[in-house]
PDB file of N, CA and C in Angstrom:
ATOM      1  N   VAL A   1       0.836  -1.189   0.000  1.00  0.00           N
ATOM      2  CA  VAL A   1       0.000   0.000   0.000  1.00  0.00           C
ATOM      3  C   VAL A   1       0.879   1.250   0.000  1.00  0.00           C
ATOM      4  N   ILE A   2       1.940   1.239   0.789  1.00  0.00           N
ATOM      5  CA  ILE A   2       2.819   2.409   0.865  1.00  0.00           C
ATOM      6  C   ILE A   2       3.460   2.687  -0.485  1.00  0.00           C
ATOM      7  N   ALA A   3       3.900   1.646  -1.176  1.00  0.00           N
ATOM      8  CA  ALA A   3       4.510   1.844  -2.493  1.00  0.00           C
ATOM      9  C   ALA A   3       3.510   2.447  -3.471  1.00  0.00           C
ATOM     10  N   ALA A   4       2.267   2.014  -3.401  1.00  0.00           N
ATOM     11  CA  ALA A   4       1.238   2.560  -4.291  1.00  0.00           C
ATOM     12  C   ALA A   4       0.980   4.028  -3.977  1.00  0.00           C
ATOM     13  N   ILE A   5       0.990   4.376  -2.706  1.00  0.00           N
ATOM     14  CA  ILE A   5       0.786   5.778  -2.321  1.00  0.00           C
ATOM     15  C   ILE A   5       1.964   6.629  -2.779  1.00  0.00           C
ATOM     16  N   GLU A   6       3.175   6.103  -2.655  1.00  0.00           N
ATOM     17  CA  GLU A   6       4.353   6.840  -3.121  1.00  0.00           C
ATOM     18  C   GLU A   6       4.292   7.052  -4.629  1.00  0.00           C
ATOM     19  N   GLU A   7       3.859   6.047  -5.364  1.00  0.00           N
ATOM     20  CA  GLU A   7       3.715   6.182  -6.818  1.00  0.00           C
ATOM     21  C   GLU A   7       2.654   7.221  -7.151  1.00  0.00           C
ATOM     22  N   PHE A   8       1.582   7.249  -6.377  1.00  0.00           N
ATOM     23  CA  PHE A   8       0.539   8.250  -6.567  1.00  0.00           C
ATOM     24  C   PHE A   8       1.107   9.652  -6.358  1.00  0.00           C
ATOM     25  N   GLU A   9       1.925   9.810  -5.336  1.00  0.00           N
ATOM     26  CA  GLU A   9       2.539  11.114  -5.073  1.00  0.00           C
ATOM     27  C   GLU A   9       3.413  11.547  -6.249  1.00  0.00           C
ATOM     28  N   LEU A  10       4.192  10.630  -6.791  1.00  0.00           N
ATOM     29  CA  LEU A  10       5.030  10.954  -7.950  1.00  0.00           C
ATOM     30  C   LEU A  10       4.175  11.355  -9.149  1.00  0.00           C
ATOM     31  N   ALA A  11       3.083  10.647  -9.352  1.00  0.00           N
ATOM     32  CA  ALA A  11       2.195  10.968 -10.468  1.00  0.00           C
ATOM     33  C   ALA A  11       1.544  12.332 -10.269  1.00  0.00           C
ATOM     34  N   ALA A  12       1.177  12.638  -9.042  1.00  0.00           N
ATOM     35  CA  ALA A  12       0.578  13.948  -8.756  1.00  0.00           C
ATOM     36  C   ALA A  12       1.579  15.063  -9.008  1.00  0.00           C
ATOM     37  N   ARG A  13       2.821  14.848  -8.615  1.00  0.00           N
ATOM     38  CA  ARG A  13       3.862  15.855  -8.864  1.00  0.00           C
ATOM     39  C   ARG A  13       4.097  16.037 -10.360  1.00  0.00           C
ATOM     40  N   ALA A  14       4.059  14.948 -11.110  1.00  0.00           N
ATOM     41  CA  ALA A  14       4.230  15.038 -12.562  1.00  0.00           C
ATOM     42  C   ALA A  14       3.084  15.817 -13.192  1.00  0.00           C
ATOM     43  N   LEU A  15       1.880  15.603 -12.698  1.00  0.00           N
ATOM     44  CA  LEU A  15       0.734  16.345 -13.218  1.00  0.00           C
ATOM     45  C   LEU A  15       0.887  17.830 -12.916  1.00  0.00           C
ATOM     46  N   LEU A  16       1.289  18.166 -11.711  1.00  0.00           N
ATOM     47  CA  LEU A  16       1.496  19.575 -11.364  1.00  0.00           C
ATOM     48  C   LEU A  16       2.582  20.201 -12.231  1.00  0.00           C
ATOM     49  N   ALA A  17       3.655  19.476 -12.467  1.00  0.00           N
ATOM     50  CA  ALA A  17       4.720  19.990 -13.330  1.00  0.00           C
ATOM     51  C   ALA A  17       4.201  20.193 -14.745  1.00  0.00           C
ATOM     52  N   GLY A  18       3.359  19.282 -15.201  1.00  0.00           N
ATOM     53  CA  GLY A  18       2.775  19.411 -16.534  1.00  0.00           C
ATOM     54  C   GLY A  18       1.855  20.604 -16.647  1.00  0.00           C
ATOM     55  N   LEU A  19       1.176  20.928 -15.573  1.00  0.00           N
ATOM     56  CA  LEU A  19       0.291  22.088 -15.588  1.00  0.00           C
ATOM     57  C   LEU A  19       1.078  23.387 -15.648  1.00  0.00           C
ATOM     58  N   GLU A  20       2.272  23.382 -15.071  1.00  0.00           N
ATOM     59  CA  GLU A  20       3.093  24.583 -15.043  1.00  0.00           C
ATOM     60  C   GLU A  20       3.929  24.747 -16.307  1.00  0.00           C
ATOM     61  N   ALA A  21       4.186  23.674 -17.012  1.00  0.00           N
ATOM     62  CA  ALA A  21       5.049  23.731 -18.190  1.00  0.00           C
ATOM     63  C   ALA A  21       4.226  23.970 -19.451  1.00  0.00           C
ATOM     64  N   PRO A  22       4.769  24.764 -20.367  1.00  0.00           N
ATOM     65  CA  PRO A  22       4.069  24.932 -21.640  1.00  0.00           C
ATOM     66  C   PRO A  22       4.191  23.656 -22.477  1.00  0.00           C
ATOM     67  N   ASP A  23       3.091  23.188 -23.002  1.00  0.00           N
ATOM     68  CA  ASP A  23       3.121  22.031 -23.897  1.00  0.00           C
ATOM     69  C   ASP A  23       1.835  22.016 -24.703  1.00  0.00           C
ATOM     70  N   ASP A  24       1.732  21.040 -25.578  1.00  0.00           N
ATOM     71  CA  ASP A  24       0.567  20.953 -26.460  1.00  0.00           C
ATOM     72  C   ASP A  24      -0.610  20.227 -25.814  1.00  0.00           C
ATOM     73  N   GLY A  25      -0.486  19.900 -24.552  1.00  0.00           N
ATOM     74  CA  GLY A  25      -1.551  19.194 -23.853  1.00  0.00           C
ATOM     75  C   GLY A  25      -1.243  17.727 -23.624  1.00  0.00           C
ATOM     76  N   SER A  26      -0.312  17.167 -24.402  1.00  0.00           N
ATOM     77  CA  SER A  26      -0.034  15.742 -24.258  1.00  0.00           C
ATOM     78  C   SER A  26       0.626  15.425 -22.921  1.00  0.00           C
ATOM     79  N   LEU A  27       1.493  16.316 -22.433  1.00  0.00           N
ATOM     80  CA  LEU A  27       2.086  16.085 -21.115  1.00  0.00           C
ATOM     81  C   LEU A  27       1.015  16.046 -20.047  1.00  0.00           C
ATOM     82  N   ARG A  28       0.081  16.954 -20.142  1.00  0.00           N
ATOM     83  CA  ARG A  28      -1.004  17.005 -19.157  1.00  0.00           C
ATOM     84  C   ARG A  28      -1.881  15.763 -19.243  1.00  0.00           C
ATOM     85  N   ARG A  29      -2.216  15.362 -20.459  1.00  0.00           N
ATOM     86  CA  ARG A  29      -3.047  14.161 -20.623  1.00  0.00           C
ATOM     87  C   ARG A  29      -2.336  12.931 -20.079  1.00  0.00           C
ATOM     88  N   ASN A  30      -1.061  12.789 -20.413  1.00  0.00           N
ATOM     89  CA  ASN A  30      -0.302  11.632 -19.941  1.00  0.00           C
ATOM     90  C   ASN A  30      -0.177  11.637 -18.424  1.00  0.00           C
ATOM     91  N   ALA A  31       0.095  12.803 -17.853  1.00  0.00           N
ATOM     92  CA  ALA A  31       0.222  12.894 -16.400  1.00  0.00           C
ATOM     93  C   ALA A  31      -1.111  12.618 -15.722  1.00  0.00           C
ATOM     94  N   ALA A  32      -2.196  13.116 -16.282  1.00  0.00           N
ATOM     95  CA  ALA A  32      -3.518  12.868 -15.705  1.00  0.00           C
ATOM     96  C   ALA A  32      -3.871  11.388 -15.794  1.00  0.00           C
ATOM     97  N   ALA A  33      -3.543  10.752 -16.905  1.00  0.00           N
ATOM     98  CA  ALA A  33      -3.809   9.322 -17.057  1.00  0.00           C
ATOM     99  C   ALA A  33      -2.997   8.518 -16.052  1.00  0.00           C
ATOM    100  N   ARG A  34      -1.736   8.898 -15.867  1.00  0.00           N
ATOM    101  CA  ARG A  34      -0.894   8.202 -14.891  1.00  0.00           C
ATOM    102  C   ARG A  34      -1.453   8.384 -13.484  1.00  0.00           C
ATOM    103  N   LEU A  35      -1.904   9.590 -13.185  1.00  0.00           N
ATOM    104  CA  LEU A  35      -2.478   9.851 -11.865  1.00  0.00           C
ATOM    105  C   LEU A  35      -3.722   8.993 -11.640  1.00  0.00           C
ATOM    106  N   ALA A  36      -4.562   8.891 -12.640  1.00  0.00           N
ATOM    107  CA  ALA A  36      -5.765   8.060 -12.525  1.00  0.00           C
ATOM    108  C   ALA A  36      -5.394   6.593 -12.334  1.00  0.00           C
ATOM    109  N   ASP A  37      -4.404   6.120 -13.080  1.00  0.00           N
ATOM    110  CA  ASP A  37      -3.968   4.731 -12.945  1.00  0.00           C
ATOM    111  C   ASP A  37      -3.431   4.447 -11.546  1.00  0.00           C
ATOM    112  N   THR A  38      -2.613   5.365 -11.050  1.00  0.00           N
ATOM    113  CA  THR A  38      -2.048   5.121  -9.730  1.00  0.00           C
ATOM    114  C   THR A  38      -3.093   5.267  -8.633  1.00  0.00           C
ATOM    115  N   ALA A  39      -4.083   6.114  -8.831  1.00  0.00           N
ATOM    116  CA  ALA A  39      -5.178   6.200  -7.859  1.00  0.00           C
ATOM    117  C   ALA A  39      -5.903   4.863  -7.783  1.00  0.00           C
ATOM    118  N   THR A  40      -6.107   4.238  -8.927  1.00  0.00           N
ATOM    119  CA  THR A  40      -6.731   2.916  -8.964  1.00  0.00           C
ATOM    120  C   THR A  40      -5.862   1.898  -8.234  1.00  0.00           C
ATOM    121  N   GLN A  41      -4.553   1.970  -8.442  1.00  0.00           N
ATOM    122  CA  GLN A  41      -3.638   1.051  -7.767  1.00  0.00           C
ATOM    123  C   GLN A  41      -3.683   1.229  -6.255  1.00  0.00           C
ATOM    124  N   VAL A  42      -3.753   2.475  -5.806  1.00  0.00           N
ATOM    125  CA  VAL A  42      -3.840   2.736  -4.365  1.00  0.00           C
ATOM    126  C   VAL A  42      -5.118   2.126  -3.801  1.00  0.00           C
ATOM    127  N   LEU A  43      -6.223   2.339  -4.485  1.00  0.00           N
ATOM    128  CA  LEU A  43      -7.495   1.779  -4.014  1.00  0.00           C
ATOM    129  C   LEU A  43      -7.461   0.256  -3.991  1.00  0.00           C
ATOM    130  N   GLN A  44      -6.891  -0.339  -5.030  1.00  0.00           N
ATOM    131  CA  GLN A  44      -6.808  -1.797  -5.073  1.00  0.00           C
ATOM    132  C   GLN A  44      -5.904  -2.327  -3.966  1.00  0.00           C
ATOM    133  N   ALA A  45      -4.776  -1.666  -3.761  1.00  0.00           N
ATOM    134  CA  ALA A  45      -3.852  -2.109  -2.716  1.00  0.00           C
ATOM    135  C   ALA A  45      -4.494  -1.976  -1.337  1.00  0.00           C
ATOM    136  N   ALA A  46      -5.222  -0.899  -1.134  1.00  0.00           N
ATOM    137  CA  ALA A  46      -5.875  -0.693   0.159  1.00  0.00           C
ATOM    138  C   ALA A  46      -7.016  -1.682   0.377  1.00  0.00           C
ATOM    139  N   THR A  47      -7.684  -2.036  -0.708  1.00  0.00           N
ATOM    140  CA  THR A  47      -8.828  -2.937  -0.607  1.00  0.00           C
ATOM    141  C   THR A  47      -8.412  -4.395  -0.507  1.00  0.00           C
ATOM    142  N   PHE A  48      -7.486  -4.797  -1.369  1.00  0.00           N
ATOM    143  CA  PHE A  48      -7.132  -6.211  -1.474  1.00  0.00           C
ATOM    144  C   PHE A  48      -5.790  -6.552  -0.844  1.00  0.00           C
ATOM    145  N   GLY A  49      -5.060  -5.548  -0.400  1.00  0.00           N
ATOM    146  CA  GLY A  49      -3.768  -5.785   0.245  1.00  0.00           C
ATOM    147  C   GLY A  49      -2.742  -6.020  -0.752  1.00  0.00           C
TER     148      GLY A  49
END
């Protein structure tokens, strides 16, 4: 569970960096997708161990 939460934190930081950096939107989309994936992993780890 801790590893999943740490990965979520990294994904959140990447999303924030993407929001601050100029780009065509793909960085933001990729970071948002990664954040969503890791949120799912956190929930699964918390639920199923």
